[in-house]
Amino acid sequence: MSEKISVELPIAYRLLHPMHTVLVSSQGRNGKPNIITIAWAMPTSADPPIVAISISPNAYSHKLIEETKEFVVNIPTVEILRQVKACGMVSGRGSDKFGEIGLTPFPAKKVRIPLIKECVAHMECRVVSQLKTGDHTVFVGEVVHARANQGTFIDNYDVEKAKMLFHLDGNKFATLNNKILS
């Protein structure tokens, strides 16, 4: 067995990485949509379906989600890695991320927030609670509608077709090696 080493506490969260990377779309009362790249997203309940996302209060998306109490979790793939990185590096306060980064807004079924057409799957959410946790806020959203590209998801992903992204740290990402272990 290997010797254990100490990990600095400010980066201890990286022990949980790689984390599934998602693009969260949001929109304020003014109707201007925004996108943020996050890796801190997870399911918290199957019945009812509930997901949680963690966002810094300094992020423009934080303000928008607080205003409308809605967000969409969009699942990107390796094909749009450039756009995923750009959404994480550019603030939506003074820019149009959809137009400038080259992503296409697509109408949702149950919320007013647009989906991202280039993503492989989407979960439309309404905020049911939020909790400040240190330097981030956890938004808890009930999934009110979900959809995926035909042929990529039945009861789980076809990892050959949906090459999803996983965040390592900073601007580093990984994909699954397509080897399924049982």
N, C-alpha and C. Protein backbone atom coordinates (compact mmCIF):
# COMPACT_ATOMS: atom_id res chain seq x y z
N MET A 1 0.85 -1.18 0.00
CA MET A 1 0.00 0.00 0.00
C MET A 1 0.90 1.24 0.00
N SER A 2 0.50 2.25 -0.77
CA SER A 2 1.27 3.48 -0.85
C SER A 2 1.13 4.31 0.40
N GLU A 3 2.17 5.09 0.65
CA GLU A 3 2.13 6.03 1.78
C GLU A 3 1.16 7.15 1.45
N LYS A 4 0.40 7.61 2.43
CA LYS A 4 -0.55 8.71 2.24
C LYS A 4 0.18 10.03 2.40
N ILE A 5 -0.19 11.02 1.58
CA ILE A 5 0.39 12.36 1.68
C ILE A 5 -0.73 13.34 2.00
N SER A 6 -0.38 14.45 2.60
CA SER A 6 -1.36 15.49 2.89
C SER A 6 -1.68 16.27 1.62
N VAL A 7 -2.94 16.68 1.50
CA VAL A 7 -3.39 17.51 0.39
C VAL A 7 -3.78 18.85 0.98
N GLU A 8 -3.33 19.94 0.35
CA GLU A 8 -3.67 21.27 0.84
C GLU A 8 -5.17 21.47 0.81
N LEU A 9 -5.72 21.99 1.90
CA LEU A 9 -7.17 22.13 2.03
C LEU A 9 -7.82 22.98 0.94
N PRO A 10 -7.20 24.08 0.47
CA PRO A 10 -7.86 24.84 -0.61
C PRO A 10 -8.07 24.07 -1.91
N ILE A 11 -7.36 22.95 -2.10
CA ILE A 11 -7.58 22.15 -3.31
C ILE A 11 -8.08 20.75 -2.98
N ALA A 12 -8.46 20.51 -1.75
CA ALA A 12 -8.95 19.18 -1.35
C ALA A 12 -10.18 18.76 -2.15
N TYR A 13 -10.99 19.71 -2.59
CA TYR A 13 -12.17 19.37 -3.38
C TYR A 13 -11.78 18.62 -4.66
N ARG A 14 -10.57 18.83 -5.15
CA ARG A 14 -10.12 18.16 -6.38
C ARG A 14 -9.95 16.66 -6.18
N LEU A 15 -9.95 16.20 -4.93
CA LEU A 15 -9.93 14.76 -4.69
C LEU A 15 -11.21 14.10 -5.23
N LEU A 16 -12.26 14.89 -5.43
CA LEU A 16 -13.51 14.39 -6.00
C LEU A 16 -13.52 14.46 -7.53
N HIS A 17 -12.51 15.04 -8.13
CA HIS A 17 -12.44 15.19 -9.58
C HIS A 17 -11.78 13.97 -10.19
N PRO A 18 -12.02 13.63 -11.44
CA PRO A 18 -12.76 14.44 -12.41
C PRO A 18 -14.26 14.44 -12.13
N MET A 19 -14.87 15.57 -12.42
CA MET A 19 -16.31 15.76 -12.23
C MET A 19 -16.96 16.01 -13.60
N HIS A 20 -18.16 15.51 -13.72
CA HIS A 20 -18.94 15.72 -14.95
C HIS A 20 -19.09 17.22 -15.18
N THR A 21 -18.76 17.69 -16.35
CA THR A 21 -18.85 19.11 -16.69
C THR A 21 -20.18 19.38 -17.36
N VAL A 22 -20.85 20.45 -16.93
CA VAL A 22 -22.13 20.83 -17.52
C VAL A 22 -22.12 22.32 -17.87
N LEU A 23 -23.00 22.69 -18.76
CA LEU A 23 -23.25 24.08 -19.07
C LEU A 23 -24.62 24.42 -18.51
N VAL A 24 -24.68 25.38 -17.61
CA VAL A 24 -25.95 25.79 -17.02
C VAL A 24 -26.40 27.07 -17.72
N SER A 25 -27.58 27.00 -18.33
CA SER A 25 -28.14 28.21 -18.92
C SER A 25 -29.12 28.83 -17.94
N SER A 26 -29.15 30.16 -17.96
CA SER A 26 -30.03 30.92 -17.08
C SER A 26 -30.44 32.18 -17.82
N GLN A 27 -31.33 32.92 -17.19
CA GLN A 27 -31.83 34.14 -17.83
C GLN A 27 -32.44 35.01 -16.76
N GLY A 28 -32.15 36.28 -16.79
CA GLY A 28 -32.72 37.21 -15.82
C GLY A 28 -34.09 37.70 -16.26
N ARG A 29 -34.65 38.56 -15.45
CA ARG A 29 -35.97 39.13 -15.78
C ARG A 29 -35.94 39.93 -17.07
N ASN A 30 -34.74 40.44 -17.43
CA ASN A 30 -34.62 41.23 -18.66
C ASN A 30 -34.68 40.37 -19.92
N GLY A 31 -34.67 39.05 -19.77
CA GLY A 31 -34.80 38.14 -20.91
C GLY A 31 -33.49 37.79 -21.59
N LYS A 32 -32.36 38.35 -21.13
CA LYS A 32 -31.06 38.05 -21.74
C LYS A 32 -30.52 36.74 -21.17
N PRO A 33 -30.31 35.72 -22.02
CA PRO A 33 -29.81 34.44 -21.51
C PRO A 33 -28.31 34.46 -21.26
N ASN A 34 -27.85 33.54 -20.43
CA ASN A 34 -26.44 33.41 -20.10
C ASN A 34 -26.10 31.93 -19.95
N ILE A 35 -24.81 31.64 -20.00
CA ILE A 35 -24.32 30.26 -19.84
C ILE A 35 -23.11 30.29 -18.91
N ILE A 36 -23.05 29.33 -18.00
CA ILE A 36 -21.88 29.16 -17.14
C ILE A 36 -21.44 27.71 -17.19
N THR A 37 -20.13 27.49 -17.22
CA THR A 37 -19.56 26.15 -17.17
C THR A 37 -19.33 25.79 -15.71
N ILE A 38 -19.85 24.64 -15.28
CA ILE A 38 -19.60 24.21 -13.90
C ILE A 38 -19.35 22.70 -13.87
N ALA A 39 -18.62 22.30 -12.85
CA ALA A 39 -18.40 20.87 -12.61
C ALA A 39 -19.05 20.45 -11.30
N TRP A 40 -19.55 21.40 -10.56
CA TRP A 40 -20.17 21.08 -9.27
C TRP A 40 -21.68 20.98 -9.45
N ALA A 41 -22.10 19.83 -9.99
CA ALA A 41 -23.52 19.53 -10.22
C ALA A 41 -23.74 18.08 -9.86
N MET A 42 -24.89 17.79 -9.25
CA MET A 42 -25.16 16.39 -8.87
C MET A 42 -26.64 16.16 -8.64
N PRO A 43 -27.08 14.91 -8.84
CA PRO A 43 -28.45 14.57 -8.46
C PRO A 43 -28.53 14.47 -6.94
N THR A 44 -29.68 14.83 -6.39
CA THR A 44 -29.87 14.69 -4.94
C THR A 44 -31.10 13.87 -4.60
N SER A 45 -31.95 13.60 -5.61
CA SER A 45 -33.16 12.80 -5.39
C SER A 45 -33.64 12.26 -6.73
N ALA A 46 -34.15 11.02 -6.69
CA ALA A 46 -34.73 10.43 -7.90
C ALA A 46 -36.24 10.65 -7.95
N ASP A 47 -36.88 10.72 -6.78
CA ASP A 47 -38.34 10.87 -6.72
C ASP A 47 -38.72 11.82 -5.59
N PRO A 48 -38.97 13.09 -5.91
CA PRO A 48 -38.98 13.69 -7.25
C PRO A 48 -37.54 13.89 -7.75
N PRO A 49 -37.37 14.04 -9.07
CA PRO A 49 -36.03 14.25 -9.59
C PRO A 49 -35.52 15.65 -9.22
N ILE A 50 -34.41 15.68 -8.50
CA ILE A 50 -33.85 16.94 -8.03
C ILE A 50 -32.34 16.92 -8.27
N VAL A 51 -31.82 18.06 -8.75
CA VAL A 51 -30.39 18.24 -8.93
C VAL A 51 -29.94 19.47 -8.16
N ALA A 52 -28.66 19.50 -7.84
CA ALA A 52 -28.07 20.66 -7.16
C ALA A 52 -26.88 21.14 -7.98
N ILE A 53 -26.75 22.46 -8.07
CA ILE A 53 -25.59 23.06 -8.72
C ILE A 53 -24.99 24.07 -7.75
N SER A 54 -23.70 24.22 -7.80
CA SER A 54 -23.00 25.12 -6.89
C SER A 54 -22.34 26.23 -7.70
N ILE A 55 -22.70 27.49 -7.38
CA ILE A 55 -22.22 28.64 -8.15
C ILE A 55 -21.76 29.73 -7.20
N SER A 56 -20.66 30.38 -7.55
CA SER A 56 -20.16 31.51 -6.76
C SER A 56 -21.12 32.69 -6.84
N PRO A 57 -21.37 33.38 -5.73
CA PRO A 57 -22.21 34.58 -5.77
C PRO A 57 -21.64 35.68 -6.67
N ASN A 58 -20.36 35.62 -7.00
CA ASN A 58 -19.75 36.60 -7.89
C ASN A 58 -20.11 36.36 -9.35
N ALA A 59 -20.60 35.18 -9.67
CA ALA A 59 -20.94 34.84 -11.05
C ALA A 59 -22.25 35.51 -11.47
N TYR A 60 -22.28 35.99 -12.68
CA TYR A 60 -23.47 36.63 -13.23
C TYR A 60 -24.66 35.67 -13.21
N SER A 61 -24.42 34.39 -13.50
CA SER A 61 -25.49 33.40 -13.50
C SER A 61 -26.17 33.27 -12.14
N HIS A 62 -25.42 33.47 -11.07
CA HIS A 62 -25.97 33.41 -9.71
C HIS A 62 -27.12 34.41 -9.59
N LYS A 63 -26.87 35.64 -10.01
CA LYS A 63 -27.88 36.71 -9.96
C LYS A 63 -29.11 36.34 -10.79
N LEU A 64 -28.88 35.79 -11.99
CA LEU A 64 -29.99 35.46 -12.89
C LEU A 64 -30.86 34.34 -12.32
N ILE A 65 -30.23 33.32 -11.76
CA ILE A 65 -30.99 32.21 -11.18
C ILE A 65 -31.78 32.69 -9.97
N GLU A 66 -31.20 33.57 -9.17
CA GLU A 66 -31.96 34.13 -8.04
C GLU A 66 -33.17 34.91 -8.52
N GLU A 67 -33.05 35.62 -9.64
CA GLU A 67 -34.16 36.43 -10.16
C GLU A 67 -35.32 35.57 -10.66
N THR A 68 -35.03 34.56 -11.46
CA THR A 68 -36.10 33.81 -12.13
C THR A 68 -36.44 32.49 -11.47
N LYS A 69 -35.53 32.00 -10.60
CA LYS A 69 -35.73 30.70 -9.92
C LYS A 69 -35.82 29.54 -10.90
N GLU A 70 -35.11 29.67 -12.03
CA GLU A 70 -35.06 28.61 -13.03
C GLU A 70 -33.65 28.50 -13.59
N PHE A 71 -33.30 27.28 -14.05
CA PHE A 71 -32.05 27.07 -14.77
C PHE A 71 -32.18 25.78 -15.57
N VAL A 72 -31.29 25.61 -16.54
CA VAL A 72 -31.24 24.38 -17.33
C VAL A 72 -29.83 23.82 -17.23
N VAL A 73 -29.74 22.53 -16.91
CA VAL A 73 -28.46 21.83 -16.92
C VAL A 73 -28.34 21.17 -18.29
N ASN A 74 -27.36 21.63 -19.08
CA ASN A 74 -27.11 21.12 -20.42
C ASN A 74 -25.84 20.27 -20.38
N ILE A 75 -25.87 19.12 -21.04
CA ILE A 75 -24.74 18.19 -21.01
C ILE A 75 -23.94 18.33 -22.31
N PRO A 76 -22.73 18.93 -22.23
CA PRO A 76 -21.91 19.09 -23.43
C PRO A 76 -21.09 17.84 -23.71
N THR A 77 -20.56 17.77 -24.92
CA THR A 77 -19.68 16.68 -25.32
C THR A 77 -18.37 17.26 -25.81
N VAL A 78 -17.42 16.39 -26.08
CA VAL A 78 -16.08 16.81 -26.50
C VAL A 78 -16.12 17.66 -27.78
N GLU A 79 -17.15 17.48 -28.60
CA GLU A 79 -17.25 18.24 -29.85
C GLU A 79 -17.34 19.75 -29.62
N ILE A 80 -17.80 20.18 -28.45
CA ILE A 80 -17.90 21.62 -28.19
C ILE A 80 -16.98 22.05 -27.03
N LEU A 81 -15.86 21.37 -26.89
CA LEU A 81 -14.92 21.69 -25.81
C LEU A 81 -14.49 23.16 -25.85
N ARG A 82 -14.21 23.70 -27.04
CA ARG A 82 -13.80 25.11 -27.15
C ARG A 82 -14.86 26.03 -26.54
N GLN A 83 -16.13 25.78 -26.85
CA GLN A 83 -17.20 26.62 -26.33
C GLN A 83 -17.37 26.43 -24.82
N VAL A 84 -17.20 25.20 -24.34
CA VAL A 84 -17.30 24.92 -22.90
C VAL A 84 -16.25 25.73 -22.15
N LYS A 85 -15.02 25.73 -22.64
CA LYS A 85 -13.95 26.51 -22.01
C LYS A 85 -14.27 28.00 -22.05
N ALA A 86 -14.74 28.48 -23.20
CA ALA A 86 -15.04 29.91 -23.34
C ALA A 86 -16.16 30.34 -22.40
N CYS A 87 -17.18 29.51 -22.22
CA CYS A 87 -18.28 29.86 -21.32
C CYS A 87 -17.80 29.97 -19.88
N GLY A 88 -16.72 29.27 -19.54
CA GLY A 88 -16.17 29.33 -18.20
C GLY A 88 -15.21 30.48 -17.99
N MET A 89 -14.79 31.14 -19.07
CA MET A 89 -13.77 32.18 -18.96
C MET A 89 -14.28 33.59 -19.24
N VAL A 90 -15.47 33.69 -19.82
CA VAL A 90 -16.03 35.00 -20.21
C VAL A 90 -17.25 35.28 -19.34
N SER A 91 -17.35 36.48 -18.81
CA SER A 91 -18.54 36.84 -18.03
C SER A 91 -19.68 37.22 -18.96
N GLY A 92 -20.88 36.84 -18.59
CA GLY A 92 -22.06 37.19 -19.37
C GLY A 92 -22.60 38.57 -19.06
N ARG A 93 -22.01 39.25 -18.06
CA ARG A 93 -22.49 40.59 -17.70
C ARG A 93 -22.46 41.54 -18.89
N GLY A 94 -21.36 41.51 -19.64
CA GLY A 94 -21.23 42.45 -20.75
C GLY A 94 -21.16 41.77 -22.10
N SER A 95 -21.54 40.52 -22.17
CA SER A 95 -21.44 39.82 -23.45
C SER A 95 -22.66 38.93 -23.68
N ASP A 96 -22.81 38.53 -24.92
CA ASP A 96 -23.85 37.58 -25.33
C ASP A 96 -23.14 36.25 -25.58
N LYS A 97 -23.10 35.39 -24.58
CA LYS A 97 -22.34 34.15 -24.71
C LYS A 97 -22.87 33.27 -25.84
N PHE A 98 -24.18 33.20 -26.01
CA PHE A 98 -24.71 32.37 -27.09
C PHE A 98 -24.15 32.85 -28.43
N GLY A 99 -24.29 34.13 -28.71
CA GLY A 99 -23.86 34.67 -30.00
C GLY A 99 -22.35 34.71 -30.16
N GLU A 100 -21.65 35.19 -29.15
CA GLU A 100 -20.20 35.36 -29.27
C GLU A 100 -19.44 34.05 -29.23
N ILE A 101 -19.94 33.06 -28.52
CA ILE A 101 -19.23 31.80 -28.37
C ILE A 101 -19.68 30.78 -29.42
N GLY A 102 -20.82 31.04 -30.05
CA GLY A 102 -21.26 30.17 -31.12
C GLY A 102 -22.11 28.99 -30.68
N LEU A 103 -22.98 29.23 -29.70
CA LEU A 103 -23.92 28.21 -29.26
C LEU A 103 -25.33 28.67 -29.62
N THR A 104 -26.22 27.71 -29.81
CA THR A 104 -27.57 28.02 -30.31
C THR A 104 -28.61 27.85 -29.20
N PRO A 105 -29.35 28.94 -28.86
CA PRO A 105 -30.44 28.78 -27.90
C PRO A 105 -31.58 27.98 -28.54
N PHE A 106 -32.20 27.15 -27.72
CA PHE A 106 -33.26 26.27 -28.19
C PHE A 106 -34.38 26.31 -27.16
N PRO A 107 -35.65 26.44 -27.55
CA PRO A 107 -36.73 26.59 -26.57
C PRO A 107 -36.89 25.38 -25.65
N ALA A 108 -37.07 25.67 -24.39
CA ALA A 108 -37.36 24.64 -23.40
C ALA A 108 -38.85 24.33 -23.45
N LYS A 109 -39.25 23.23 -22.81
CA LYS A 109 -40.67 22.85 -22.77
C LYS A 109 -41.40 23.42 -21.56
N LYS A 110 -40.71 23.48 -20.37
CA LYS A 110 -41.41 23.82 -19.13
C LYS A 110 -40.87 25.07 -18.43
N VAL A 111 -39.70 25.57 -18.83
CA VAL A 111 -39.15 26.77 -18.20
C VAL A 111 -38.90 27.81 -19.28
N ARG A 112 -38.63 29.04 -18.86
CA ARG A 112 -38.40 30.12 -19.82
C ARG A 112 -36.94 30.20 -20.27
N ILE A 113 -36.10 29.41 -19.68
CA ILE A 113 -34.67 29.44 -19.95
C ILE A 113 -34.38 28.64 -21.22
N PRO A 114 -33.52 29.15 -22.13
CA PRO A 114 -33.22 28.37 -23.33
C PRO A 114 -32.27 27.21 -23.05
N LEU A 115 -32.45 26.15 -23.81
CA LEU A 115 -31.51 25.03 -23.81
C LEU A 115 -30.38 25.38 -24.78
N ILE A 116 -29.32 24.59 -24.76
CA ILE A 116 -28.21 24.76 -25.69
C ILE A 116 -28.29 23.62 -26.69
N LYS A 117 -28.64 23.96 -27.93
CA LYS A 117 -28.91 22.96 -28.96
C LYS A 117 -27.74 22.00 -29.18
N GLU A 118 -26.51 22.48 -29.07
CA GLU A 118 -25.34 21.65 -29.34
C GLU A 118 -25.07 20.62 -28.25
N CYS A 119 -25.76 20.70 -27.13
CA CYS A 119 -25.56 19.74 -26.03
C CYS A 119 -26.36 18.47 -26.29
N VAL A 120 -25.92 17.37 -25.69
CA VAL A 120 -26.51 16.07 -25.94
C VAL A 120 -27.75 15.80 -25.07
N ALA A 121 -27.88 16.52 -23.94
CA ALA A 121 -29.03 16.31 -23.05
C ALA A 121 -29.29 17.57 -22.23
N HIS A 122 -30.50 17.63 -21.65
CA HIS A 122 -30.93 18.84 -20.94
C HIS A 122 -31.87 18.47 -19.80
N MET A 123 -31.72 19.17 -18.68
CA MET A 123 -32.65 19.04 -17.56
C MET A 123 -33.16 20.44 -17.22
N GLU A 124 -34.44 20.66 -17.41
CA GLU A 124 -35.06 21.93 -17.09
C GLU A 124 -35.43 21.92 -15.61
N CYS A 125 -35.00 22.93 -14.87
CA CYS A 125 -35.16 22.93 -13.41
C CYS A 125 -35.80 24.21 -12.88
N ARG A 126 -36.60 24.02 -11.82
CA ARG A 126 -37.14 25.14 -11.05
C ARG A 126 -36.54 25.06 -9.65
N VAL A 127 -36.03 26.18 -9.17
CA VAL A 127 -35.37 26.22 -7.87
C VAL A 127 -36.39 25.95 -6.77
N VAL A 128 -36.08 24.99 -5.91
CA VAL A 128 -36.92 24.69 -4.75
C VAL A 128 -36.27 25.16 -3.45
N SER A 129 -34.95 25.36 -3.49
CA SER A 129 -34.26 25.94 -2.34
C SER A 129 -32.84 26.33 -2.74
N GLN A 130 -32.23 27.13 -1.90
CA GLN A 130 -30.83 27.49 -2.10
C GLN A 130 -30.18 27.62 -0.73
N LEU A 131 -28.88 27.34 -0.71
CA LEU A 131 -28.15 27.31 0.55
C LEU A 131 -26.76 27.88 0.33
N LYS A 132 -26.38 28.86 1.13
CA LYS A 132 -25.03 29.41 1.06
C LYS A 132 -24.10 28.44 1.76
N THR A 133 -23.04 28.03 1.07
CA THR A 133 -22.07 27.09 1.64
C THR A 133 -20.68 27.69 1.44
N GLY A 134 -20.18 28.42 2.38
CA GLY A 134 -18.86 29.04 2.24
C GLY A 134 -18.87 30.05 1.12
N ASP A 135 -18.02 29.85 0.11
CA ASP A 135 -17.89 30.83 -0.97
C ASP A 135 -18.78 30.52 -2.18
N HIS A 136 -19.71 29.59 -2.05
CA HIS A 136 -20.64 29.25 -3.13
C HIS A 136 -22.07 29.14 -2.60
N THR A 137 -23.02 29.17 -3.52
CA THR A 137 -24.42 28.92 -3.20
C THR A 137 -24.84 27.65 -3.93
N VAL A 138 -25.50 26.77 -3.22
CA VAL A 138 -26.05 25.57 -3.83
C VAL A 138 -27.50 25.87 -4.19
N PHE A 139 -27.80 25.80 -5.48
CA PHE A 139 -29.17 25.94 -5.96
C PHE A 139 -29.72 24.53 -6.15
N VAL A 140 -30.83 24.25 -5.51
CA VAL A 140 -31.47 22.94 -5.60
C VAL A 140 -32.66 23.10 -6.53
N GLY A 141 -32.68 22.33 -7.61
CA GLY A 141 -33.73 22.48 -8.60
C GLY A 141 -34.46 21.19 -8.88
N GLU A 142 -35.78 21.27 -8.89
CA GLU A 142 -36.57 20.11 -9.29
C GLU A 142 -36.56 20.04 -10.81
N VAL A 143 -36.25 18.87 -11.35
CA VAL A 143 -36.25 18.67 -12.79
C VAL A 143 -37.70 18.55 -13.24
N VAL A 144 -38.15 19.50 -14.06
CA VAL A 144 -39.54 19.49 -14.52
C VAL A 144 -39.68 18.94 -15.94
N HIS A 145 -38.57 18.83 -16.63
CA HIS A 145 -38.56 18.20 -17.96
C HIS A 145 -37.13 17.83 -18.29
N ALA A 146 -36.94 16.70 -18.96
CA ALA A 146 -35.61 16.27 -19.36
C ALA A 146 -35.70 15.65 -20.75
N ARG A 147 -34.64 15.84 -21.53
CA ARG A 147 -34.59 15.21 -22.85
C ARG A 147 -33.14 15.01 -23.27
N ALA A 148 -32.95 14.11 -24.22
CA ALA A 148 -31.62 13.80 -24.73
C ALA A 148 -31.70 13.54 -26.23
N ASN A 149 -30.58 13.68 -26.90
CA ASN A 149 -30.53 13.38 -28.33
C ASN A 149 -30.88 11.92 -28.56
N GLN A 150 -31.71 11.67 -29.54
CA GLN A 150 -32.11 10.30 -29.87
C GLN A 150 -30.87 9.46 -30.17
N GLY A 151 -30.84 8.26 -29.64
CA GLY A 151 -29.74 7.35 -29.88
C GLY A 151 -28.58 7.47 -28.92
N THR A 152 -28.61 8.47 -28.03
CA THR A 152 -27.50 8.64 -27.09
C THR A 152 -27.85 8.21 -25.68
N PHE A 153 -29.14 8.11 -25.37
CA PHE A 153 -29.56 7.81 -24.00
C PHE A 153 -30.86 7.03 -24.02
N ILE A 154 -30.90 5.90 -23.30
CA ILE A 154 -32.15 5.18 -23.09
C ILE A 154 -32.39 5.15 -21.58
N ASP A 155 -31.65 4.33 -20.85
CA ASP A 155 -31.69 4.41 -19.39
C ASP A 155 -30.32 4.77 -18.84
N ASN A 156 -29.35 4.91 -19.72
CA ASN A 156 -28.04 5.48 -19.43
C ASN A 156 -27.41 5.90 -20.76
N TYR A 157 -26.27 6.56 -20.70
CA TYR A 157 -25.64 7.07 -21.91
C TYR A 157 -24.95 5.97 -22.70
N ASP A 158 -25.01 6.07 -24.01
CA ASP A 158 -24.17 5.29 -24.90
C ASP A 158 -22.86 6.08 -24.99
N VAL A 159 -21.84 5.67 -24.24
CA VAL A 159 -20.61 6.47 -24.14
C VAL A 159 -19.81 6.49 -25.44
N GLU A 160 -20.16 5.61 -26.37
CA GLU A 160 -19.53 5.67 -27.70
C GLU A 160 -20.06 6.88 -28.48
N LYS A 161 -21.34 7.20 -28.28
CA LYS A 161 -21.98 8.29 -29.02
C LYS A 161 -21.94 9.62 -28.27
N ALA A 162 -22.03 9.60 -26.97
CA ALA A 162 -22.06 10.82 -26.16
C ALA A 162 -20.73 10.94 -25.40
N LYS A 163 -19.78 11.57 -26.02
CA LYS A 163 -18.45 11.71 -25.41
C LYS A 163 -18.43 12.93 -24.50
N MET A 164 -18.88 12.71 -23.26
CA MET A 164 -19.03 13.79 -22.29
C MET A 164 -17.69 14.23 -21.72
N LEU A 165 -17.70 15.42 -21.16
CA LEU A 165 -16.49 16.03 -20.61
C LEU A 165 -16.47 15.92 -19.09
N PHE A 166 -15.26 15.74 -18.56
CA PHE A 166 -15.06 15.69 -17.12
C PHE A 166 -13.95 16.67 -16.76
N HIS A 167 -14.23 17.52 -15.76
CA HIS A 167 -13.29 18.56 -15.35
C HIS A 167 -12.24 17.99 -14.41
N LEU A 168 -10.97 18.27 -14.71
CA LEU A 168 -9.87 17.87 -13.83
C LEU A 168 -9.52 19.02 -12.89
N ASP A 169 -9.06 20.14 -13.45
CA ASP A 169 -8.82 21.37 -12.70
C ASP A 169 -8.50 22.47 -13.70
N GLY A 170 -8.71 23.70 -13.29
CA GLY A 170 -8.42 24.82 -14.17
C GLY A 170 -9.05 24.65 -15.53
N ASN A 171 -8.22 24.62 -16.56
CA ASN A 171 -8.69 24.50 -17.93
C ASN A 171 -8.41 23.11 -18.50
N LYS A 172 -8.33 22.10 -17.62
CA LYS A 172 -8.03 20.73 -18.04
C LYS A 172 -9.28 19.86 -17.95
N PHE A 173 -9.54 19.13 -19.03
CA PHE A 173 -10.70 18.26 -19.11
C PHE A 173 -10.29 16.87 -19.57
N ALA A 174 -11.14 15.89 -19.33
CA ALA A 174 -10.90 14.52 -19.75
C ALA A 174 -12.21 13.94 -20.29
N THR A 175 -12.12 12.79 -20.95
CA THR A 175 -13.30 12.07 -21.41
C THR A 175 -13.21 10.65 -20.84
N LEU A 176 -14.32 9.92 -20.93
CA LEU A 176 -14.29 8.51 -20.56
C LEU A 176 -13.52 7.74 -21.61
N ASN A 177 -12.90 6.65 -21.22
CA ASN A 177 -12.16 5.85 -22.20
C ASN A 177 -13.06 4.82 -22.89
N ASN A 178 -14.36 4.91 -22.67
CA ASN A 178 -15.36 4.05 -23.30
C ASN A 178 -15.29 2.59 -22.83
N LYS A 179 -14.50 2.32 -21.84
CA LYS A 179 -14.42 0.97 -21.31
C LYS A 179 -15.40 0.86 -20.16
N ILE A 180 -16.42 0.04 -20.31
CA ILE A 180 -17.44 -0.11 -19.27
C ILE A 180 -17.06 -1.29 -18.39
N LEU A 181 -17.00 -1.05 -17.10
CA LEU A 181 -16.68 -2.07 -16.13
C LEU A 181 -17.96 -2.55 -15.44
N SER A 182 -18.10 -3.83 -15.23
CA SER A 182 -19.30 -4.33 -14.57
C SER A 182 -18.91 -5.03 -13.29
